[in-house]
Amino acid sequence: MRFMIMHKNDPHTEAGLPPPKDIVEKMSAFVGEQAQAGRFLDGAGLAGSKTRTRLTFRDGRCTVKQGPYQGEHELPAATLKLKVRSREEAIGWAERYGKILGDCELEIGKVNEPWDIGLMPPPENPPLQVLLIEKADAATESGGRSREQKSAITRLKTEMTKAGVLVGSLQLKPSSQAKRLVFNNHNLRVIDGPFAESKELLGGFSVMELRDIDEAVALCRRPYAEILGGTLEIDIRVVDPDDDVP
């Protein structure tokens, strides 16, 4: 089974500070080990909310809000990783995506690159990688979008791919199939879905190929939570196997 393991934003990241060197080294070693075993498929950290853009579609109108901002409705239903030239280009694609859905909420979050976390000097004029997050609503939580919407999104993704913009996309199963892990000083509390909401901004994610959700929980307990700190919140979401893979 394929899972998207998402940890929430923290004050350190929100302040625009790079992660401590020891966390970078431990997480790099963990990712390398999991990738070699065929379990790690994709992943990234996201920058703080000052680099993000929130789009709200209501009654045919789109409201665009630049960060920084607090978390509001942060339960994802789908994600698209895009490689663009600018935030304005990303907003343009997001507006087209949102118009297909009608009333909805989207967020564009900058993906941290190796130079953002001090692993290498920045290259000259690098492309901008962002994560386009489609927020969950009653439709996605009850089974998915309409056939017409799915067809239109598929056509848009095809156009994105031809334009060299779409890096990967994931559709998530409803949160009724998810688990939320709340760590407090390394003590774990597991909450079964569905989740009415999540007000914590997404801080980063890993896409993993694992045996079942119990293996995902064990992986989050050790070493995932031990690397990121003993007090944090993680959501484990099941990836729809019929959608695109990263």
Protein backbone atom coordinates (compact mmCIF):
# COMPACT_ATOMS: atom_id res chain seq x y z
CA MET A 1 0.00 0.00 0.00
CA ARG A 2 1.08 3.53 -0.63
CA PHE A 3 0.87 6.15 2.13
CA MET A 4 1.46 9.88 2.39
CA ILE A 5 2.99 10.64 5.80
CA MET A 6 2.63 14.33 6.61
CA HIS A 7 4.19 16.17 9.52
CA LYS A 8 2.88 19.56 10.55
CA ASN A 9 4.61 22.92 10.46
CA ASP A 10 6.53 24.04 13.56
CA PRO A 11 7.62 27.43 14.98
CA HIS A 12 11.22 26.89 13.83
CA THR A 13 10.20 26.46 10.19
CA GLU A 14 7.55 29.16 10.41
CA ALA A 15 10.23 31.62 11.55
CA GLY A 16 12.13 30.94 8.32
CA LEU A 17 15.02 29.17 10.04
CA PRO A 18 16.78 26.24 8.34
CA PRO A 19 16.50 22.88 10.13
CA PRO A 20 19.35 22.02 12.52
CA LYS A 21 22.27 20.26 10.86
CA ASP A 22 21.84 17.06 12.87
CA ILE A 23 18.20 16.73 11.77
CA VAL A 24 19.19 17.20 8.12
CA GLU A 25 21.89 14.54 8.43
CA LYS A 26 19.65 12.04 10.22
CA MET A 27 16.72 12.57 7.84
CA SER A 28 19.01 12.24 4.80
CA ALA A 29 20.32 8.94 6.16
CA PHE A 30 16.79 7.74 6.88
CA VAL A 31 15.56 8.67 3.38
CA GLY A 32 18.55 6.95 1.77
CA GLU A 33 17.95 3.79 3.77
CA GLN A 34 14.22 3.71 2.96
CA ALA A 35 14.83 4.48 -0.73
CA GLN A 36 17.37 1.67 -1.02
CA ALA A 37 14.79 -0.70 0.49
CA GLY A 38 12.19 0.46 -2.06
CA ARG A 39 9.92 2.04 0.53
CA PHE A 40 10.60 5.77 0.02
CA LEU A 41 9.09 7.08 -3.22
CA ASP A 42 8.99 10.86 -2.81
CA GLY A 43 9.09 13.56 -0.18
CA ALA A 44 9.85 17.18 0.58
CA GLY A 45 9.78 19.81 3.27
CA LEU A 46 7.79 23.01 2.83
CA ALA A 47 8.88 26.52 3.75
CA GLY A 48 6.99 28.67 6.25
CA SER A 49 3.67 30.33 5.50
CA LYS A 50 5.28 33.61 4.43
CA THR A 51 6.24 31.82 1.18
CA ARG A 52 2.77 30.36 0.60
CA THR A 53 -0.35 31.42 -1.25
CA ARG A 54 -3.94 30.52 -0.38
CA LEU A 55 -6.68 30.54 -3.03
CA THR A 56 -10.36 30.45 -2.09
CA PHE A 57 -12.99 29.91 -4.78
CA ARG A 58 -16.57 30.95 -3.98
CA ASP A 59 -19.47 31.64 -6.37
CA GLY A 60 -17.20 31.86 -9.39
CA ARG A 61 -14.72 34.27 -7.77
CA CYS A 62 -11.16 33.55 -6.65
CA THR A 63 -9.61 35.29 -3.64
CA VAL A 64 -5.81 35.10 -3.44
CA LYS A 65 -4.10 35.60 -0.07
CA GLN A 66 -0.33 35.70 0.35
CA GLY A 67 1.26 34.48 3.57
CA PRO A 68 2.18 34.62 6.32
CA TYR A 69 -1.04 33.29 7.82
CA GLN A 70 -2.40 30.90 10.41
CA GLY A 71 -3.71 27.45 9.62
CA GLU A 72 -7.43 27.27 8.90
CA HIS A 73 -8.77 24.41 6.79
CA GLU A 74 -5.68 22.27 6.25
CA LEU A 75 -6.96 18.75 5.54
CA PRO A 76 -5.58 17.73 2.10
CA ALA A 77 -7.51 15.76 -0.50
CA ALA A 78 -4.88 15.80 -3.27
CA THR A 79 -1.46 17.24 -4.04
CA LEU A 80 0.36 18.22 -7.21
CA LYS A 81 4.08 18.95 -7.25
CA LEU A 82 4.81 21.63 -9.85
CA LYS A 83 8.04 23.04 -11.28
CA VAL A 84 7.47 26.60 -12.50
CA ARG A 85 9.35 29.80 -13.23
CA SER A 86 7.58 31.98 -10.69
CA ARG A 87 4.87 32.08 -8.04
CA GLU A 88 2.67 33.95 -10.52
CA GLU A 89 2.87 31.01 -12.93
CA ALA A 90 1.96 28.61 -10.11
CA ILE A 91 -1.05 30.80 -9.22
CA GLY A 92 -2.15 30.71 -12.86
CA TRP A 93 -2.20 26.91 -12.92
CA ALA A 94 -3.92 26.81 -9.52
CA GLU A 95 -6.64 29.17 -10.71
CA ARG A 96 -7.38 26.88 -13.65
CA TYR A 97 -7.48 23.88 -11.30
CA GLY A 98 -9.81 25.66 -8.88
CA LYS A 99 -12.23 26.73 -11.60
CA ILE A 100 -12.76 23.07 -12.45
CA LEU A 101 -13.74 22.27 -8.86
CA GLY A 102 -16.01 25.27 -8.26
CA ASP A 103 -16.23 26.21 -4.57
CA CYS A 104 -12.95 24.99 -3.07
CA GLU A 105 -9.74 25.95 -1.29
CA LEU A 106 -6.20 25.48 -2.61
CA GLU A 107 -2.77 26.28 -1.23
CA ILE A 108 0.57 26.74 -2.96
CA GLY A 109 3.56 25.96 -0.74
CA LYS A 110 7.20 26.38 -1.70
CA VAL A 111 9.19 23.15 -1.61
CA ASN A 112 12.50 23.40 0.22
CA GLU A 113 15.48 22.83 -2.05
CA PRO A 114 18.94 21.59 -0.95
CA TRP A 115 20.25 25.18 -0.93
CA ASP A 116 17.35 26.30 1.29
CA ILE A 117 18.55 23.99 4.06
CA GLY A 118 22.26 24.68 3.68
CA LEU A 119 23.33 21.57 1.75
CA MET A 120 24.73 23.45 -1.27
CA PRO A 121 25.02 26.95 -2.75
CA PRO A 122 22.01 28.03 -4.79
CA PRO A 123 22.35 27.62 -8.56
CA GLU A 124 21.79 30.54 -10.89
CA ASN A 125 18.11 31.15 -11.74
CA PRO A 126 16.77 27.84 -10.39
CA PRO A 127 13.17 26.81 -11.15
CA LEU A 128 10.60 27.10 -8.37
CA GLN A 129 9.12 23.86 -7.05
CA VAL A 130 5.81 24.14 -5.23
CA LEU A 131 3.23 21.80 -3.77
CA LEU A 132 -0.32 22.58 -4.89
CA ILE A 133 -2.63 21.29 -2.17
CA GLU A 134 -6.32 20.69 -2.83
CA LYS A 135 -8.20 20.93 0.48
CA ALA A 136 -10.72 18.27 1.43
CA ASP A 137 -14.45 18.99 1.38
CA ALA A 138 -17.70 17.03 1.61
CA ALA A 139 -17.26 15.64 -1.91
CA THR A 140 -13.73 14.27 -1.43
CA GLU A 141 -14.51 12.99 2.06
CA SER A 142 -17.51 11.04 0.77
CA GLY A 143 -15.82 9.43 -2.21
CA GLY A 144 -14.49 11.93 -4.72
CA ARG A 145 -15.23 14.48 -7.41
CA SER A 146 -17.76 14.12 -10.19
CA ARG A 147 -16.88 12.27 -13.40
CA GLU A 148 -16.84 15.58 -15.30
CA GLN A 149 -14.47 17.18 -12.79
CA LYS A 150 -12.15 14.16 -12.85
CA SER A 151 -12.02 14.24 -16.65
CA ALA A 152 -11.29 17.98 -16.68
CA ILE A 153 -8.53 17.58 -14.06
CA THR A 154 -6.99 14.75 -16.10
CA ARG A 155 -6.93 17.00 -19.18
CA LEU A 156 -5.33 19.81 -17.17
CA LYS A 157 -2.69 17.44 -15.77
CA THR A 158 -1.91 16.26 -19.29
CA GLU A 159 -1.41 19.88 -20.33
CA MET A 160 0.80 20.47 -17.28
CA THR A 161 2.89 17.44 -18.17
CA LYS A 162 3.36 18.58 -21.78
CA ALA A 163 4.39 22.01 -20.49
CA GLY A 164 7.02 20.40 -18.25
CA VAL A 165 5.26 21.72 -15.14
CA LEU A 166 3.78 18.64 -13.44
CA VAL A 167 6.36 16.65 -11.48
CA GLY A 168 3.91 14.30 -9.73
CA SER A 169 0.42 14.11 -8.28
CA LEU A 170 -1.36 12.16 -5.58
CA GLN A 171 -5.04 11.69 -4.80
CA LEU A 172 -5.71 10.74 -1.18
CA LYS A 173 -8.37 8.42 0.13
CA PRO A 174 -10.92 10.02 2.50
CA SER A 175 -9.69 10.75 6.02
CA SER A 176 -11.97 7.97 7.35
CA GLN A 177 -9.12 5.65 6.33
CA ALA A 178 -6.44 7.79 7.98
CA LYS A 179 -4.71 7.98 11.33
CA ARG A 180 -3.42 11.03 13.20
CA LEU A 181 -0.41 10.55 15.47
CA VAL A 182 0.07 13.05 18.27
CA PHE A 183 3.46 12.81 19.98
CA ASN A 184 3.98 14.62 23.30
CA ASN A 185 7.46 14.12 24.77
CA HIS A 186 7.71 10.89 22.74
CA ASN A 187 4.41 9.56 24.14
CA LEU A 188 2.12 8.59 21.27
CA ARG A 189 -1.64 9.02 21.00
CA VAL A 190 -3.29 7.56 17.88
CA ILE A 191 -6.53 9.10 16.60
CA ASP A 192 -8.56 7.26 13.97
CA GLY A 193 -10.22 9.19 11.16
CA PRO A 194 -12.40 10.68 9.85
CA PHE A 195 -11.14 14.15 10.74
CA ALA A 196 -13.49 17.09 10.63
CA GLU A 197 -10.56 19.43 10.10
CA SER A 198 -6.87 20.08 10.57
CA LYS A 199 -5.75 23.58 11.52
CA GLU A 200 -2.02 22.82 11.44
CA LEU A 201 -0.16 23.82 8.28
CA LEU A 202 1.58 21.02 6.40
CA GLY A 203 5.31 21.11 7.11
CA GLY A 204 6.51 18.27 4.92
CA PHE A 205 5.67 14.83 3.62
CA SER A 206 6.99 11.43 2.60
CA VAL A 207 5.35 9.01 0.18
CA MET A 208 6.07 5.46 1.28
CA GLU A 209 5.32 1.97 -0.07
CA LEU A 210 4.54 -0.09 3.02
CA ARG A 211 2.81 -3.34 3.96
CA ASP A 212 -0.10 -1.76 5.85
CA ILE A 213 -1.04 1.19 8.05
CA ASP A 214 0.37 -0.54 11.15
CA GLU A 215 3.81 -0.52 9.54
CA ALA A 216 3.30 3.17 8.75
CA VAL A 217 2.51 3.90 12.41
CA ALA A 218 5.61 1.99 13.55
CA LEU A 219 7.76 3.89 11.05
CA CYS A 220 6.43 7.20 12.35
CA ARG A 221 7.18 6.25 15.93
CA ARG A 222 10.77 5.26 15.25
CA PRO A 223 12.76 6.78 13.73
CA TYR A 224 10.54 9.40 12.04
CA ALA A 225 9.33 11.15 15.21
CA GLU A 226 12.67 10.65 16.94
CA ILE A 227 14.40 12.56 14.13
CA LEU A 228 11.91 15.43 13.98
CA GLY A 229 11.48 15.73 17.74
CA GLY A 230 9.44 14.08 20.45
CA THR A 231 6.54 16.53 20.27
CA LEU A 232 4.78 16.81 16.93
CA GLU A 233 1.70 15.79 14.93
CA ILE A 234 1.69 13.45 11.92
CA ASP A 235 -1.14 12.41 9.62
CA ILE A 236 -0.99 9.10 7.76
CA ARG A 237 -3.15 9.12 4.63
CA VAL A 238 -3.81 6.29 2.20
CA VAL A 239 -2.96 7.15 -1.43
CA ASP A 240 -5.54 6.29 -4.08
CA PRO A 241 -3.80 3.63 -6.24
CA ASP A 242 -5.81 4.64 -9.30
CA ASP A 243 -4.30 8.15 -9.42
CA ASP A 244 -0.93 9.31 -10.77
CA VAL A 245 2.19 8.23 -8.92
CA PRO A 246 5.15 10.49 -8.12
